[in-house]
């Protein structure tokens, strides 16, 4: 997996970002991001939604491609876990329909 960043690193396990650090990473398997400290903004390639995570929030990537994460406060820490499953079609369809209805 290629990794591009400005200060900080997003890898499996714990990753911390300094104030306004940005990380962009190509992902090819689903990962779970748990915000442990601070607040982060993230977006996935091909997804029009921006996601904000506060401490305690969890986000699971839905697609392959580029993932961009930025710390919005002085420091943010994430726990990153590789998921051993591929997203199920029914789950993806349900999320897509939910977005369509709420747009």
C-alpha atoms as a PDB file:
ATOM      1  CA  UNK A   1       0.000   0.000   0.000  1.00  0.00           C
ATOM      2  CA  UNK A   2       1.477   3.328  -1.031  1.00  0.00           C
ATOM      3  CA  UNK A   3       1.541   6.111   1.535  1.00  0.00           C
ATOM      4  CA  UNK A   4       1.885   9.847   1.040  1.00  0.00           C
ATOM      5  CA  UNK A   5       1.811  12.171   4.012  1.00  0.00           C
ATOM      6  CA  UNK A   6       2.766  15.494   5.476  1.00  0.00           C
ATOM      7  CA  UNK A   7       3.988  14.807   8.996  1.00  0.00           C
ATOM      8  CA  UNK A   8       2.475  11.765  10.575  1.00  0.00           C
ATOM      9  CA  UNK A   9       1.795   8.305   9.279  1.00  0.00           C
ATOM     10  CA  UNK A  10      -1.275   6.142   8.914  1.00  0.00           C
ATOM     11  CA  UNK A  11      -0.409   2.520   9.481  1.00  0.00           C
ATOM     12  CA  UNK A  12      -1.996  -0.437  11.167  1.00  0.00           C
ATOM     13  CA  UNK A  13      -2.255  -0.037  14.912  1.00  0.00           C
ATOM     14  CA  UNK A  14      -2.093   3.410  16.487  1.00  0.00           C
ATOM     15  CA  UNK A  15      -1.343   6.509  14.423  1.00  0.00           C
ATOM     16  CA  UNK A  16      -1.197  10.085  15.668  1.00  0.00           C
ATOM     17  CA  UNK A  17      -1.394  13.240  13.595  1.00  0.00           C
ATOM     18  CA  UNK A  18      -0.259  16.684  14.669  1.00  0.00           C
ATOM     19  CA  UNK A  19      -2.317  19.809  14.220  1.00  0.00           C
ATOM     20  CA  UNK A  20      -3.724  19.935  10.654  1.00  0.00           C
ATOM     21  CA  UNK A  21      -1.483  17.095   9.423  1.00  0.00           C
ATOM     22  CA  UNK A  22      -2.814  15.403   6.290  1.00  0.00           C
ATOM     23  CA  UNK A  23      -2.299  11.794   5.263  1.00  0.00           C
ATOM     24  CA  UNK A  24      -3.303  10.248   1.943  1.00  0.00           C
ATOM     25  CA  UNK A  25      -3.162   6.495   1.544  1.00  0.00           C
ATOM     26  CA  UNK A  26      -4.184   4.060  -1.169  1.00  0.00           C
ATOM     27  CA  UNK A  27      -6.148   1.188   0.309  1.00  0.00           C
ATOM     28  CA  UNK A  28      -7.118  -2.061  -1.327  1.00  0.00           C
ATOM     29  CA  UNK A  29      -8.906  -3.779   1.571  1.00  0.00           C
ATOM     30  CA  UNK A  30     -11.465  -2.570   4.093  1.00  0.00           C
ATOM     31  CA  UNK A  31     -10.027  -0.946   7.207  1.00  0.00           C
ATOM     32  CA  UNK A  32     -11.610   0.280  10.399  1.00  0.00           C
ATOM     33  CA  UNK A  33     -10.557   3.670  11.761  1.00  0.00           C
ATOM     34  CA  UNK A  34     -11.340   4.395  15.410  1.00  0.00           C
ATOM     35  CA  UNK A  35     -10.737   7.964  16.571  1.00  0.00           C
ATOM     36  CA  UNK A  36      -9.137   7.684  19.996  1.00  0.00           C
ATOM     37  CA  UNK A  37      -8.277  11.337  20.588  1.00  0.00           C
ATOM     38  CA  UNK A  38      -9.127  14.663  18.979  1.00  0.00           C
ATOM     39  CA  UNK A  39     -11.110  15.148  15.778  1.00  0.00           C
ATOM     40  CA  UNK A  40     -10.371  14.093  12.196  1.00  0.00           C
ATOM     41  CA  UNK A  41     -11.848  14.778   8.771  1.00  0.00           C
ATOM     42  CA  UNK A  42     -11.652  12.050   6.169  1.00  0.00           C
ATOM     43  CA  UNK A  43     -12.857  11.263   2.694  1.00  0.00           C
ATOM     44  CA  UNK A  44     -12.654   8.292   0.356  1.00  0.00           C
ATOM     45  CA  UNK A  45     -11.927   8.460  -3.351  1.00  0.00           C
ATOM     46  CA  UNK A  46     -15.178   8.306  -5.308  1.00  0.00           C
ATOM     47  CA  UNK A  47     -17.318   9.246  -2.305  1.00  0.00           C
ATOM     48  CA  UNK A  48     -18.928  12.681  -2.210  1.00  0.00           C
ATOM     49  CA  UNK A  49     -19.424  12.590   1.565  1.00  0.00           C
ATOM     50  CA  UNK A  50     -16.946  14.028   4.039  1.00  0.00           C
ATOM     51  CA  UNK A  51     -16.720  12.238   7.366  1.00  0.00           C
ATOM     52  CA  UNK A  52     -15.914  13.801  10.738  1.00  0.00           C
ATOM     53  CA  UNK A  53     -14.781  11.549  13.552  1.00  0.00           C
ATOM     54  CA  UNK A  54     -14.552  12.603  17.180  1.00  0.00           C
ATOM     55  CA  UNK A  55     -12.947  10.578  19.950  1.00  0.00           C
ATOM     56  CA  UNK A  56     -14.877   7.318  20.260  1.00  0.00           C
ATOM     57  CA  UNK A  57     -16.235   7.337  16.680  1.00  0.00           C
ATOM     58  CA  UNK A  58     -15.543   4.477  14.257  1.00  0.00           C
ATOM     59  CA  UNK A  59     -15.519   4.494  10.452  1.00  0.00           C
ATOM     60  CA  UNK A  60     -15.121   1.525   8.108  1.00  0.00           C
ATOM     61  CA  UNK A  61     -13.903   2.161   4.572  1.00  0.00           C
ATOM     62  CA  UNK A  62     -16.329   1.060   1.867  1.00  0.00           C
ATOM     63  CA  UNK A  63     -14.209   1.124  -1.261  1.00  0.00           C
ATOM     64  CA  UNK A  64     -10.756   0.728  -2.692  1.00  0.00           C
ATOM     65  CA  UNK A  65      -8.811   3.820  -3.643  1.00  0.00           C
ATOM     66  CA  UNK A  66      -7.398   6.883  -1.964  1.00  0.00           C
ATOM     67  CA  UNK A  67      -8.235   7.721   1.641  1.00  0.00           C
ATOM     68  CA  UNK A  68      -7.417  11.210   2.927  1.00  0.00           C
ATOM     69  CA  UNK A  69      -7.323  11.982   6.659  1.00  0.00           C
ATOM     70  CA  UNK A  70      -6.657  15.334   8.341  1.00  0.00           C
ATOM     71  CA  UNK A  71      -6.388  16.228  12.023  1.00  0.00           C
ATOM     72  CA  UNK A  72      -8.712  19.122  12.827  1.00  0.00           C
ATOM     73  CA  UNK A  73      -7.425  19.906  16.291  1.00  0.00           C
ATOM     74  CA  UNK A  74      -4.052  20.110  17.966  1.00  0.00           C
ATOM     75  CA  UNK A  75      -3.515  16.353  17.872  1.00  0.00           C
ATOM     76  CA  UNK A  76      -5.608  13.402  16.801  1.00  0.00           C
ATOM     77  CA  UNK A  77      -4.954   9.716  17.328  1.00  0.00           C
ATOM     78  CA  UNK A  78      -6.490   6.842  15.389  1.00  0.00           C
ATOM     79  CA  UNK A  79      -6.472   3.111  15.836  1.00  0.00           C
ATOM     80  CA  UNK A  80      -6.364   1.490  12.386  1.00  0.00           C
ATOM     81  CA  UNK A  81      -7.369  -2.131  11.925  1.00  0.00           C
ATOM     82  CA  UNK A  82      -7.348  -4.212   8.758  1.00  0.00           C
ATOM     83  CA  UNK A  83     -10.620  -6.077   8.310  1.00  0.00           C
ATOM     84  CA  UNK A  84     -10.482  -9.661   7.155  1.00  0.00           C
ATOM     85  CA  UNK A  85     -13.785  -9.448   5.328  1.00  0.00           C
ATOM     86  CA  UNK A  86     -14.788  -7.955   2.061  1.00  0.00           C
ATOM     87  CA  UNK A  87     -17.830  -5.687   2.205  1.00  0.00           C
ATOM     88  CA  UNK A  88     -20.994  -7.651   1.551  1.00  0.00           C
ATOM     89  CA  UNK A  89     -23.086  -6.532  -1.375  1.00  0.00           C
ATOM     90  CA  UNK A  90     -26.239  -6.199   0.761  1.00  0.00           C
ATOM     91  CA  UNK A  91     -24.462  -3.915   3.253  1.00  0.00           C
ATOM     92  CA  UNK A  92     -23.080  -1.717   0.485  1.00  0.00           C
ATOM     93  CA  UNK A  93     -26.481  -1.513  -1.219  1.00  0.00           C
ATOM     94  CA  UNK A  94     -28.178  -0.584   2.064  1.00  0.00           C
ATOM     95  CA  UNK A  95     -25.666   2.242   2.694  1.00  0.00           C
ATOM     96  CA  UNK A  96     -26.052   3.496  -0.886  1.00  0.00           C
ATOM     97  CA  UNK A  97     -29.859   3.514  -0.625  1.00  0.00           C
ATOM     98  CA  UNK A  98     -29.672   5.250   2.740  1.00  0.00           C
ATOM     99  CA  UNK A  99     -27.481   8.004   1.248  1.00  0.00           C
ATOM    100  CA  UNK A 100     -29.828   8.339  -1.719  1.00  0.00           C
ATOM    101  CA  UNK A 101     -32.869   8.761   0.523  1.00  0.00           C
ATOM    102  CA  UNK A 102     -31.149  11.283   2.804  1.00  0.00           C
ATOM    103  CA  UNK A 103     -29.568  13.439   0.079  1.00  0.00           C
END
